Amino acid sequence: RCELCYKELGQFPSDIGVKIQGATEAIVSGKKTASSQPTIMH
């Protein structure tokens, strides 16, 4: 849901329910120590 919102609106929904940093790293930017690309790349 948050990825689809980011793709269309350029931001996460207001009721994201998780920390913005974790969501950003998981979906958009990736994390240096992570073995996977951010989900928006999949």
Full PDB file with SEQRES, HELIX, SHEET, SSBOND, CRYST1, ORIGX, SCALE, CONECT and MASTER records, all heavy atoms in Angstrom:
SEQRES   1 A   42  ARG CYS GLU LEU CYS TYR LYS GLU LEU GLY GLN PHE PRO          
SEQRES   2 A   42  SER ASP ILE GLY VAL LYS ILE GLN GLY ALA THR GLU ALA          
SEQRES   3 A   42  ILE VAL SER GLY LYS LYS THR ALA SER SER GLN PRO THR          
SEQRES   4 A   42  ILE MET HIS                                                  
HELIX    1 AA1 CYS A    2  LEU A    9  1                                   8    
HELIX    2 AA2 ILE A   20  THR A   24  1                                   5    
HELIX    3 AA3 GLU A   25  SER A   29  3                                   5    
HELIX    4 AA4 THR A   39  MET A   41  5                                   3    
CRYST1    1.000    1.000    1.000  90.00  90.00  90.00 P 1           1          
ORIGX1      1.000000  0.000000  0.000000        0.00000                         
ORIGX2      0.000000  1.000000  0.000000        0.00000                         
ORIGX3      0.000000  0.000000  1.000000        0.00000                         
SCALE1      1.000000  0.000000  0.000000        0.00000                         
SCALE2      0.000000  1.000000  0.000000        0.00000                         
SCALE3      0.000000  0.000000  1.000000        0.00000                         
ATOM      1  N   ARG A   1       0.829  -1.210   0.000  1.00  0.00           N  
ATOM      2  CA  ARG A   1       0.000   0.000   0.000  1.00  0.00           C  
ATOM      3  C   ARG A   1       0.864   1.260   0.000  1.00  0.00           C  
ATOM      4  O   ARG A   1       0.642   2.196  -0.782  1.00  0.00           O  
ATOM      5  CB  ARG A   1      -0.896  -0.018   1.248  1.00  0.00           C  
ATOM      6  CG  ARG A   1      -1.590   1.295   1.562  1.00  0.00           C  
ATOM      7  CD  ARG A   1      -2.423   1.161   2.827  1.00  0.00           C  
ATOM      8  NE  ARG A   1      -1.645   1.282   4.045  1.00  0.00           N  
ATOM      9  CZ  ARG A   1      -1.624   2.362   4.833  1.00  0.00           C  
ATOM     10  NH1 ARG A   1      -2.329   3.430   4.499  1.00  0.00           N  
ATOM     11  NH2 ARG A   1      -0.915   2.381   5.949  1.00  0.00           N  
ATOM     12  N   CYS A   2       1.872   1.270   0.862  1.00  0.00           N  
ATOM     13  CA  CYS A   2       2.741   2.450   0.972  1.00  0.00           C  
ATOM     14  C   CYS A   2       3.571   2.649  -0.292  1.00  0.00           C  
ATOM     15  O   CYS A   2       3.820   3.784  -0.708  1.00  0.00           O  
ATOM     16  CB  CYS A   2       3.643   2.309   2.197  1.00  0.00           C  
ATOM     17  SG  CYS A   2       2.750   2.398   3.767  1.00  0.00           S  
ATOM     18  N   GLU A   3       4.013   1.552  -0.909  1.00  0.00           N  
ATOM     19  CA  GLU A   3       4.771   1.678  -2.151  1.00  0.00           C  
ATOM     20  C   GLU A   3       3.903   2.232  -3.273  1.00  0.00           C  
ATOM     21  O   GLU A   3       4.324   3.122  -4.031  1.00  0.00           O  
ATOM     22  CB  GLU A   3       5.341   0.325  -2.566  1.00  0.00           C  
ATOM     23  CG  GLU A   3       6.166   0.409  -3.854  1.00  0.00           C  
ATOM     24  CD  GLU A   3       6.698  -0.930  -4.318  1.00  0.00           C  
ATOM     25  OE1 GLU A   3       7.243  -1.678  -3.477  1.00  0.00           O  
ATOM     26  OE2 GLU A   3       6.562  -1.232  -5.517  1.00  0.00           O  
ATOM     27  N   LEU A   4       2.688   1.737  -3.406  1.00  0.00           N  
ATOM     28  CA  LEU A   4       1.781   2.235  -4.441  1.00  0.00           C  
ATOM     29  C   LEU A   4       1.473   3.708  -4.228  1.00  0.00           C  
ATOM     30  O   LEU A   4       1.414   4.495  -5.183  1.00  0.00           O  
ATOM     31  CB  LEU A   4       0.486   1.424  -4.433  1.00  0.00           C  
ATOM     32  CG  LEU A   4       0.601  -0.032  -4.899  1.00  0.00           C  
ATOM     33  CD1 LEU A   4      -0.703  -0.782  -4.601  1.00  0.00           C  
ATOM     34  CD2 LEU A   4       0.930  -0.101  -6.381  1.00  0.00           C  
ATOM     35  N   CYS A   5       1.279   4.102  -2.963  1.00  0.00           N  
ATOM     36  CA  CYS A   5       1.021   5.504  -2.645  1.00  0.00           C  
ATOM     37  C   CYS A   5       2.215   6.372  -3.006  1.00  0.00           C  
ATOM     38  O   CYS A   5       2.059   7.454  -3.608  1.00  0.00           O  
ATOM     39  CB  CYS A   5       0.699   5.635  -1.154  1.00  0.00           C  
ATOM     40  SG  CYS A   5       0.303   7.316  -0.626  1.00  0.00           S  
ATOM     41  N   TYR A   6       3.413   5.900  -2.679  1.00  0.00           N  
ATOM     42  CA  TYR A   6       4.625   6.663  -2.976  1.00  0.00           C  
ATOM     43  C   TYR A   6       4.797   6.842  -4.489  1.00  0.00           C  
ATOM     44  O   TYR A   6       5.168   7.920  -4.963  1.00  0.00           O  
ATOM     45  CB  TYR A   6       5.854   5.977  -2.392  1.00  0.00           C  
ATOM     46  CG  TYR A   6       7.114   6.793  -2.503  1.00  0.00           C  
ATOM     47  CD1 TYR A   6       7.446   7.721  -1.527  1.00  0.00           C  
ATOM     48  CD2 TYR A   6       7.956   6.651  -3.602  1.00  0.00           C  
ATOM     49  CE1 TYR A   6       8.598   8.494  -1.638  1.00  0.00           C  
ATOM     50  CE2 TYR A   6       9.099   7.416  -3.728  1.00  0.00           C  
ATOM     51  CZ  TYR A   6       9.423   8.337  -2.744  1.00  0.00           C  
ATOM     52  OH  TYR A   6      10.556   9.100  -2.872  1.00  0.00           O  
ATOM     53  N   LYS A   7       4.513   5.789  -5.237  1.00  0.00           N  
ATOM     54  CA  LYS A   7       4.641   5.864  -6.696  1.00  0.00           C  
ATOM     55  C   LYS A   7       3.689   6.892  -7.294  1.00  0.00           C  
ATOM     56  O   LYS A   7       4.041   7.617  -8.221  1.00  0.00           O  
ATOM     57  CB  LYS A   7       4.367   4.489  -7.319  1.00  0.00           C  
ATOM     58  CG  LYS A   7       5.534   3.525  -7.294  1.00  0.00           C  
ATOM     59  CD  LYS A   7       5.168   2.240  -8.038  1.00  0.00           C  
ATOM     60  CE  LYS A   7       6.361   1.338  -8.223  1.00  0.00           C  
ATOM     61  NZ  LYS A   7       6.020   0.101  -8.967  1.00  0.00           N  
ATOM     62  N   GLU A   8       2.476   6.943  -6.785  1.00  0.00           N  
ATOM     63  CA  GLU A   8       1.467   7.838  -7.367  1.00  0.00           C  
ATOM     64  C   GLU A   8       1.520   9.246  -6.801  1.00  0.00           C  
ATOM     65  O   GLU A   8       1.400  10.227  -7.542  1.00  0.00           O  
ATOM     66  CB  GLU A   8       0.068   7.264  -7.152  1.00  0.00           C  
ATOM     67  CG  GLU A   8      -1.027   8.123  -7.758  1.00  0.00           C  
ATOM     68  CD  GLU A   8      -2.422   7.533  -7.628  1.00  0.00           C  
ATOM     69  OE1 GLU A   8      -2.518   6.304  -7.396  1.00  0.00           O  
ATOM     70  OE2 GLU A   8      -3.401   8.287  -7.759  1.00  0.00           O  
ATOM     71  N   LEU A   9       1.726   9.368  -5.494  1.00  0.00           N  
ATOM     72  CA  LEU A   9       1.622  10.672  -4.842  1.00  0.00           C  
ATOM     73  C   LEU A   9       2.952  11.252  -4.398  1.00  0.00           C  
ATOM     74  O   LEU A   9       3.019  12.400  -3.972  1.00  0.00           O  
ATOM     75  CB  LEU A   9       0.681  10.573  -3.638  1.00  0.00           C  
ATOM     76  CG  LEU A   9      -0.730  10.030  -3.926  1.00  0.00           C  
ATOM     77  CD1 LEU A   9      -1.540   9.972  -2.633  1.00  0.00           C  
ATOM     78  CD2 LEU A   9      -1.440  10.872  -4.970  1.00  0.00           C  
ATOM     79  N   GLY A  10       4.028  10.435  -4.451  1.00  0.00           N  
ATOM     80  CA  GLY A  10       5.340  10.928  -4.047  1.00  0.00           C  
ATOM     81  C   GLY A  10       5.534  11.004  -2.545  1.00  0.00           C  
ATOM     82  O   GLY A  10       6.490  11.631  -2.068  1.00  0.00           O  
ATOM     83  N   GLN A  11       4.665  10.382  -1.801  1.00  0.00           N  
ATOM     84  CA  GLN A  11       4.773  10.372  -0.343  1.00  0.00           C  
ATOM     85  C   GLN A  11       4.033   9.160   0.193  1.00  0.00           C  
ATOM     86  O   GLN A  11       3.264   8.518  -0.520  1.00  0.00           O  
ATOM     87  CB  GLN A  11       4.168  11.639   0.260  1.00  0.00           C  
ATOM     88  CG  GLN A  11       2.690  11.809  -0.046  1.00  0.00           C  
ATOM     89  CD  GLN A  11       2.152  13.145   0.431  1.00  0.00           C  
ATOM     90  OE1 GLN A  11       2.891  14.107   0.610  1.00  0.00           O  
ATOM     91  NE2 GLN A  11       0.850  13.213   0.649  1.00  0.00           N  
ATOM     92  N   PHE A  12       4.272   8.844   1.466  1.00  0.00           N  
ATOM     93  CA  PHE A  12       3.583   7.739   2.095  1.00  0.00           C  
ATOM     94  C   PHE A  12       2.227   8.199   2.624  1.00  0.00           C  
ATOM     95  O   PHE A  12       2.030   9.386   2.890  1.00  0.00           O  
ATOM     96  CB  PHE A  12       4.429   7.181   3.244  1.00  0.00           C  
ATOM     97  CG  PHE A  12       5.711   6.543   2.805  1.00  0.00           C  
ATOM     98  CD1 PHE A  12       6.920   6.860   3.413  1.00  0.00           C  
ATOM     99  CD2 PHE A  12       5.726   5.611   1.773  1.00  0.00           C  
ATOM    100  CE1 PHE A  12       8.105   6.270   3.011  1.00  0.00           C  
ATOM    101  CE2 PHE A  12       6.902   5.009   1.364  1.00  0.00           C  
ATOM    102  CZ  PHE A  12       8.096   5.343   1.978  1.00  0.00           C  
ATOM    103  N   PRO A  13       1.295   7.273   2.807  1.00  0.00           N  
ATOM    104  CA  PRO A  13      -0.012   7.660   3.368  1.00  0.00           C  
ATOM    105  C   PRO A  13       0.126   8.164   4.796  1.00  0.00           C  
ATOM    106  O   PRO A  13       1.064   7.815   5.514  1.00  0.00           O  
ATOM    107  CB  PRO A  13      -0.826   6.356   3.300  1.00  0.00           C  
ATOM    108  CG  PRO A  13       0.191   5.265   3.223  1.00  0.00           C  
ATOM    109  CD  PRO A  13       1.358   5.828   2.482  1.00  0.00           C  
ATOM    110  N   SER A  14      -0.823   8.976   5.207  1.00  0.00           N  
ATOM    111  CA  SER A  14      -0.738   9.613   6.522  1.00  0.00           C  
ATOM    112  C   SER A  14      -0.867   8.606   7.668  1.00  0.00           C  
ATOM    113  O   SER A  14      -0.392   8.861   8.779  1.00  0.00           O  
ATOM    114  CB  SER A  14      -1.835  10.677   6.657  1.00  0.00           C  
ATOM    115  OG  SER A  14      -3.125  10.099   6.472  1.00  0.00           O  
ATOM    116  N   ASP A  15      -1.483   7.462   7.394  1.00  0.00           N  
ATOM    117  CA  ASP A  15      -1.664   6.457   8.448  1.00  0.00           C  
ATOM    118  C   ASP A  15      -0.705   5.280   8.264  1.00  0.00           C  
ATOM    119  O   ASP A  15      -1.084   4.133   8.477  1.00  0.00           O  
ATOM    120  CB  ASP A  15      -3.115   5.955   8.467  1.00  0.00           C  
ATOM    121  CG  ASP A  15      -3.503   5.258   7.161  1.00  0.00           C  
ATOM    122  OD1 ASP A  15      -2.788   5.439   6.147  1.00  0.00           O  
ATOM    123  OD2 ASP A  15      -4.510   4.520   7.148  1.00  0.00           O  
ATOM    124  N   ILE A  16       0.527   5.580   7.922  1.00  0.00           N  
ATOM    125  CA  ILE A  16       1.503   4.548   7.571  1.00  0.00           C  
ATOM    126  C   ILE A  16       1.653   3.489   8.668  1.00  0.00           C  
ATOM    127  O   ILE A  16       1.812   2.302   8.385  1.00  0.00           O  
ATOM    128  CB  ILE A  16       2.865   5.188   7.221  1.00  0.00           C  
ATOM    129  CG1 ILE A  16       3.868   4.144   6.754  1.00  0.00           C  
ATOM    130  CG2 ILE A  16       3.403   6.000   8.361  1.00  0.00           C  
ATOM    131  CD1 ILE A  16       5.150   4.745   6.189  1.00  0.00           C  
ATOM    132  N   GLY A  17       1.650   3.893   9.917  1.00  0.00           N  
ATOM    133  CA  GLY A  17       1.654   2.931  11.016  1.00  0.00           C  
ATOM    134  C   GLY A  17       3.007   2.335  11.364  1.00  0.00           C  
ATOM    135  O   GLY A  17       3.100   1.474  12.247  1.00  0.00           O  
ATOM    136  N   VAL A  18       4.059   2.749  10.659  1.00  0.00           N  
ATOM    137  CA  VAL A  18       5.421   2.300  10.966  1.00  0.00           C  
ATOM    138  C   VAL A  18       6.332   3.526  10.907  1.00  0.00           C  
ATOM    139  O   VAL A  18       5.918   4.604  10.496  1.00  0.00           O  
ATOM    140  CB  VAL A  18       5.916   1.227   9.971  1.00  0.00           C  
ATOM    141  CG1 VAL A  18       5.046  -0.014  10.037  1.00  0.00           C  
ATOM    142  CG2 VAL A  18       5.974   1.777   8.549  1.00  0.00           C  
ATOM    143  N   LYS A  19       7.588   3.338  11.305  1.00  0.00           N  
ATOM    144  CA  LYS A  19       8.524   4.462  11.277  1.00  0.00           C  
ATOM    145  C   LYS A  19       8.879   4.828   9.833  1.00  0.00           C  
ATOM    146  O   LYS A  19       9.138   3.949   9.007  1.00  0.00           O  
ATOM    147  CB  LYS A  19       9.783   4.121  12.063  1.00  0.00           C  
ATOM    148  CG  LYS A  19       9.541   3.988  13.566  1.00  0.00           C  
ATOM    149  CD  LYS A  19      10.836   3.702  14.321  1.00  0.00           C  
ATOM    150  CE  LYS A  19      10.584   3.599  15.818  1.00  0.00           C  
ATOM    151  NZ  LYS A  19      11.828   3.297  16.571  1.00  0.00           N  
ATOM    152  N   ILE A  20       8.905   6.124   9.557  1.00  0.00           N  
ATOM    153  CA  ILE A  20       9.176   6.610   8.203  1.00  0.00           C  
ATOM    154  C   ILE A  20      10.545   6.150   7.709  1.00  0.00           C  
ATOM    155  O   ILE A  20      10.700   5.769   6.541  1.00  0.00           O  
ATOM    156  CB  ILE A  20       9.097   8.156   8.150  1.00  0.00           C  
ATOM    157  CG1 ILE A  20       7.672   8.620   8.460  1.00  0.00           C  
ATOM    158  CG2 ILE A  20       9.532   8.662   6.782  1.00  0.00           C  
ATOM    159  CD1 ILE A  20       6.643   8.219   7.434  1.00  0.00           C  
ATOM    160  N   GLN A  21      11.547   6.169   8.586  1.00  0.00           N  
ATOM    161  CA  GLN A  21      12.895   5.786   8.153  1.00  0.00           C  
ATOM    162  C   GLN A  21      12.930   4.344   7.665  1.00  0.00           C  
ATOM    163  O   GLN A  21      13.484   4.041   6.610  1.00  0.00           O  
ATOM    164  CB  GLN A  21      13.903   5.973   9.279  1.00  0.00           C  
ATOM    165  CG  GLN A  21      15.332   5.592   8.867  1.00  0.00           C  
ATOM    166  CD  GLN A  21      16.347   5.800   9.985  1.00  0.00           C  
ATOM    167  OE1 GLN A  21      16.063   6.465  10.975  1.00  0.00           O  
ATOM    168  NE2 GLN A  21      17.533   5.241   9.816  1.00  0.00           N  
ATOM    169  N   GLY A  22      12.341   3.434   8.444  1.00  0.00           N  
ATOM    170  CA  GLY A  22      12.327   2.039   8.046  1.00  0.00           C  
ATOM    171  C   GLY A  22      11.573   1.829   6.747  1.00  0.00           C  
ATOM    172  O   GLY A  22      11.997   1.052   5.885  1.00  0.00           O  
ATOM    173  N   ALA A  23      10.453   2.524   6.599  1.00  0.00           N  
ATOM    174  CA  ALA A  23       9.662   2.413   5.382  1.00  0.00           C  
ATOM    175  C   ALA A  23      10.437   2.943   4.183  1.00  0.00           C  
ATOM    176  O   ALA A  23      10.421   2.345   3.096  1.00  0.00           O  
ATOM    177  CB  ALA A  23       8.350   3.172   5.540  1.00  0.00           C  
ATOM    178  N   THR A  24      11.116   4.060   4.367  1.00  0.00           N  
ATOM    179  CA  THR A  24      11.891   4.661   3.277  1.00  0.00           C  
ATOM    180  C   THR A  24      13.017   3.741   2.844  1.00  0.00           C  
ATOM    181  O   THR A  24      13.252   3.535   1.637  1.00  0.00           O  
ATOM    182  CB  THR A  24      12.462   6.021   3.714  1.00  0.00           C  
ATOM    183  OG1 THR A  24      11.387   6.887   4.082  1.00  0.00           O  
ATOM    184  CG2 THR A  24      13.260   6.663   2.581  1.00  0.00           C  
ATOM    185  N   GLU A  25      13.718   3.163   3.810  1.00  0.00           N  
ATOM    186  CA  GLU A  25      14.819   2.256   3.476  1.00  0.00           C  
ATOM    187  C   GLU A  25      14.312   0.987   2.797  1.00  0.00           C  
ATOM    188  O   GLU A  25      14.942   0.476   1.866  1.00  0.00           O  
ATOM    189  CB  GLU A  25      15.603   1.912   4.737  1.00  0.00           C  
ATOM    190  CG  GLU A  25      16.397   3.088   5.288  1.00  0.00           C  
ATOM    191  CD  GLU A  25      17.109   2.774   6.592  1.00  0.00           C  
ATOM    192  OE1 GLU A  25      16.708   1.800   7.266  1.00  0.00           O  
ATOM    193  OE2 GLU A  25      18.058   3.499   6.940  1.00  0.00           O  
ATOM    194  N   ALA A  26      13.191   0.485   3.246  1.00  0.00           N  
ATOM    195  CA  ALA A  26      12.658  -0.749   2.670  1.00  0.00           C  
ATOM    196  C   ALA A  26      12.116  -0.542   1.266  1.00  0.00           C  
ATOM    197  O   ALA A  26      12.317  -1.380   0.376  1.00  0.00           O  
ATOM    198  CB  ALA A  26      11.547  -1.307   3.559  1.00  0.00           C  
ATOM    199  N   ILE A  27      11.476   0.596   1.028  1.00  0.00           N  
ATOM    200  CA  ILE A  27      10.754   0.808  -0.227  1.00  0.00           C  
ATOM    201  C   ILE A  27      11.532   1.644  -1.237  1.00  0.00           C  
ATOM    202  O   ILE A  27      11.551   1.323  -2.432  1.00  0.00           O  
ATOM    203  CB  ILE A  27       9.395   1.480   0.057  1.00  0.00           C  
ATOM    204  CG1 ILE A  27       8.518   0.549   0.894  1.00  0.00           C  
ATOM    205  CG2 ILE A  27       8.691   1.875  -1.239  1.00  0.00           C  
ATOM    206  CD1 ILE A  27       7.234   1.194   1.400  1.00  0.00           C  
ATOM    207  N   VAL A  28      12.179   2.700  -0.781  1.00  0.00           N  
ATOM    208  CA  VAL A  28      12.703   3.707  -1.713  1.00  0.00           C  
ATOM    209  C   VAL A  28      14.220   3.719  -1.834  1.00  0.00           C  
ATOM    210  O   VAL A  28      14.775   3.589  -2.936  1.00  0.00           O  
ATOM    211  CB  VAL A  28      12.223   5.118  -1.294  1.00  0.00           C  
ATOM    212  CG1 VAL A  28      12.700   6.152  -2.318  1.00  0.00           C  
ATOM    213  CG2 VAL A  28      10.710   5.156  -1.169  1.00  0.00           C  
ATOM    214  N   SER A  29      14.894   3.883  -0.725  1.00  0.00           N  
ATOM    215  CA  SER A  29      16.333   4.173  -0.788  1.00  0.00           C  
ATOM    216  C   SER A  29      17.218   2.948  -0.615  1.00  0.00           C  
ATOM    217  O   SER A  29      18.364   2.926  -1.052  1.00  0.00           O  
ATOM    218  CB  SER A  29      16.696   5.207   0.275  1.00  0.00           C  
ATOM    219  OG  SER A  29      16.499   4.678   1.581  1.00  0.00           O  
ATOM    220  N   GLY A  30      16.696   1.913   0.067  1.00  0.00           N  
ATOM    221  CA  GLY A  30      17.540   0.782   0.406  1.00  0.00           C  
ATOM    222  C   GLY A  30      18.371   1.095   1.630  1.00  0.00           C  
ATOM    223  O   GLY A  30      18.432   2.231   2.099  1.00  0.00           O  
ATOM    224  N   LYS A  31      19.016   0.077   2.144  1.00  0.00           N  
ATOM    225  CA  LYS A  31      19.887   0.236   3.305  1.00  0.00           C  
ATOM    226  C   LYS A  31      21.240  -0.357   2.962  1.00  0.00           C  
ATOM    227  O   LYS A  31      21.321  -1.431   2.361  1.00  0.00           O  
ATOM    228  CB  LYS A  31      19.271  -0.481   4.514  1.00  0.00           C  
ATOM    229  CG  LYS A  31      19.945  -0.174   5.832  1.00  0.00           C  
ATOM    230  CD  LYS A  31      19.140  -0.752   6.997  1.00  0.00           C  
ATOM    231  CE  LYS A  31      19.777  -0.368   8.335  1.00  0.00           C  
ATOM    232  NZ  LYS A  31      18.981  -0.871   9.480  1.00  0.00           N  
ATOM    233  N   LYS A  32      22.295   0.332   3.310  1.00  0.00           N  
ATOM    234  CA  LYS A  32      23.639  -0.097   2.905  1.00  0.00           C  
ATOM    235  C   LYS A  32      23.950  -1.520   3.322  1.00  0.00           C  
ATOM    236  O   LYS A  32      24.621  -2.253   2.606  1.00  0.00           O  
ATOM    237  CB  LYS A  32      24.688   0.868   3.490  1.00  0.00           C  
ATOM    238  CG  LYS A  32      24.662   2.255   2.859  1.00  0.00           C  
ATOM    239  CD  LYS A  32      25.744   3.143   3.442  1.00  0.00           C  
ATOM    240  CE  LYS A  32      25.738   4.526   2.797  1.00  0.00           C  
ATOM    241  NZ  LYS A  32      26.791   5.402   3.377  1.00  0.00           N  
ATOM    242  N   THR A  33      23.463  -1.915   4.487  1.00  0.00           N  
ATOM    243  CA  THR A  33      23.777  -3.256   4.984  1.00  0.00           C  
ATOM    244  C   THR A  33      22.784  -4.316   4.511  1.00  0.00           C  
ATOM    245  O   THR A  33      22.954  -5.495   4.807  1.00  0.00           O  
ATOM    246  CB  THR A  33      23.790  -3.249   6.519  1.00  0.00           C  
ATOM    247  OG1 THR A  33      22.518  -2.779   7.000  1.00  0.00           O  
ATOM    248  CG2 THR A  33      24.897  -2.345   7.050  1.00  0.00           C  
ATOM    249  N   ALA A  34      21.741  -3.896   3.769  1.00  0.00           N  
ATOM    250  CA  ALA A  34      20.716  -4.849   3.332  1.00  0.00           C  
ATOM    251  C   ALA A  34      21.194  -5.631   2.120  1.00  0.00           C  
ATOM    252  O   ALA A  34      21.929  -5.116   1.271  1.00  0.00           O  
ATOM    253  CB  ALA A  34      19.423  -4.113   3.006  1.00  0.00           C  
ATOM    254  N   SER A  35      20.749  -6.879   2.019  1.00  0.00           N  
ATOM    255  CA  SER A  35      21.135  -7.729   0.896  1.00  0.00           C  
ATOM    256  C   SER A  35      20.182  -7.587  -0.283  1.00  0.00           C  
ATOM    257  O   SER A  35      20.462  -8.088  -1.371  1.00  0.00           O  
ATOM    258  CB  SER A  35      21.166  -9.201   1.333  1.00  0.00           C  
ATOM    259  OG  SER A  35      19.912  -9.604   1.853  1.00  0.00           O  
ATOM    260  N   SER A  36      19.063  -6.900  -0.080  1.00  0.00           N  
ATOM    261  CA  SER A  36      18.054  -6.761  -1.128  1.00  0.00           C  
ATOM    262  C   SER A  36      17.922  -5.307  -1.567  1.00  0.00           C  
ATOM    263  O   SER A  36      18.149  -4.384  -0.784  1.00  0.00           O  
ATOM    264  CB  SER A  36      16.691  -7.254  -0.640  1.00  0.00           C  
ATOM    265  OG  SER A  36      16.760  -8.596  -0.235  1.00  0.00           O  
ATOM    266  N   GLN A  37      17.529  -5.127  -2.816  1.00  0.00           N  
ATOM    267  CA  GLN A  37      17.231  -3.788  -3.314  1.00  0.00           C  
ATOM    268  C   GLN A  37      15.937  -3.292  -2.689  1.00  0.00           C  
ATOM    269  O   GLN A  37      15.116  -4.082  -2.234  1.00  0.00           O  
ATOM    270  CB  GLN A  37      17.077  -3.820  -4.837  1.00  0.00           C  
ATOM    271  CG  GLN A  37      18.341  -4.096  -5.610  1.00  0.00           C  
ATOM    272  CD  GLN A  37      18.081  -4.052  -7.111  1.00  0.00           C  
ATOM    273  OE1 GLN A  37      17.108  -4.621  -7.600  1.00  0.00           O  
ATOM    274  NE2 GLN A  37      18.945  -3.370  -7.834  1.00  0.00           N  
ATOM    275  N   PRO A  38      15.719  -1.971  -2.671  1.00  0.00           N  
ATOM    276  CA  PRO A  38      14.428  -1.461  -2.181  1.00  0.00           C  
ATOM    277  C   PRO A  38      13.296  -2.039  -3.024  1.00  0.00           C  
ATOM    278  O   PRO A  38      13.463  -2.305  -4.219  1.00  0.00           O  
ATOM    279  CB  PRO A  38      14.564   0.052  -2.344  1.00  0.00           C  
ATOM    280  CG  PRO A  38      15.681   0.258  -3.315  1.00  0.00           C  
ATOM    281  CD  PRO A  38      16.605  -0.883  -3.119  1.00  0.00           C  
ATOM    282  N   THR A  39      12.139  -2.235  -2.418  1.00  0.00           N  
ATOM    283  CA  THR A  39      11.063  -2.944  -3.108  1.00  0.00           C  
ATOM    284  C   THR A  39      10.568  -2.215  -4.348  1.00  0.00           C  
ATOM    285  O   THR A  39      10.048  -2.841  -5.267  1.00  0.00           O  
ATOM    286  CB  THR A  39       9.874  -3.180  -2.160  1.00  0.00           C  
ATOM    287  OG1 THR A  39       9.328  -1.918  -1.730  1.00  0.00           O  
ATOM    288  CG2 THR A  39      10.311  -3.975  -0.949  1.00  0.00           C  
ATOM    289  N   ILE A  40      10.727  -0.909  -4.391  1.00  0.00           N  
ATOM    290  CA  ILE A  40      10.264  -0.150  -5.554  1.00  0.00           C  
ATOM    291  C   ILE A  40      11.030  -0.543  -6.812  1.00  0.00           C  
ATOM    292  O   ILE A  40      10.563  -0.333  -7.941  1.00  0.00           O  
ATOM    293  CB  ILE A  40      10.376   1.374  -5.282  1.00  0.00           C  
ATOM    294  CG1 ILE A  40       9.391   2.142  -6.163  1.00  0.00           C  
ATOM    295  CG2 ILE A  40      11.815   1.865  -5.445  1.00  0.00           C  
ATOM    296  CD1 ILE A  40       9.205   3.588  -5.743  1.00  0.00           C  
ATOM    297  N   MET A  41      12.199  -1.170  -6.619  1.00  0.00           N  
ATOM    298  CA  MET A  41      13.015  -1.624  -7.745  1.00  0.00           C  
ATOM    299  C   MET A  41      12.572  -2.991  -8.259  1.00  0.00           C  
ATOM    300  O   MET A  41      12.977  -3.402  -9.342  1.00  0.00           O  
ATOM    301  CB  MET A  41      14.488  -1.689  -7.329  1.00  0.00           C  
ATOM    302  CG  MET A  41      15.070  -0.378  -6.857  1.00  0.00           C  
ATOM    303  SD  MET A  41      15.145   0.840  -8.195  1.00  0.00           S  
ATOM    304  CE  MET A  41      16.401   0.087  -9.241  1.00  0.00           C  
ATOM    305  N   HIS A  42      11.753  -3.699  -7.489  1.00  0.00           N  
ATOM    306  CA  HIS A  42      11.282  -5.016  -7.884  1.00  0.00           C  
ATOM    307  C   HIS A  42      10.031  -4.856  -8.743  1.00  0.00           C  
ATOM    308  O   HIS A  42       9.060  -4.227  -8.310  1.00  0.00           O  
ATOM    309  CB  HIS A  42      10.961  -5.874  -6.654  1.00  0.00           C  
ATOM    310  CG  HIS A  42      12.146  -6.203  -5.824  1.00  0.00           C  
ATOM    311  ND1 HIS A  42      12.664  -7.479  -5.726  1.00  0.00           N  
ATOM    312  CD2 HIS A  42      12.953  -5.435  -5.049  1.00  0.00           C  
ATOM    313  CE1 HIS A  42      13.721  -7.474  -4.921  1.00  0.00           C  
ATOM    314  NE2 HIS A  42      13.910  -6.246  -4.496  1.00  0.00           N  
TER     315      HIS A  42                                                      
MASTER        0    0    0    4    0    0    0    6  314    1    0    4          
END                                                                             
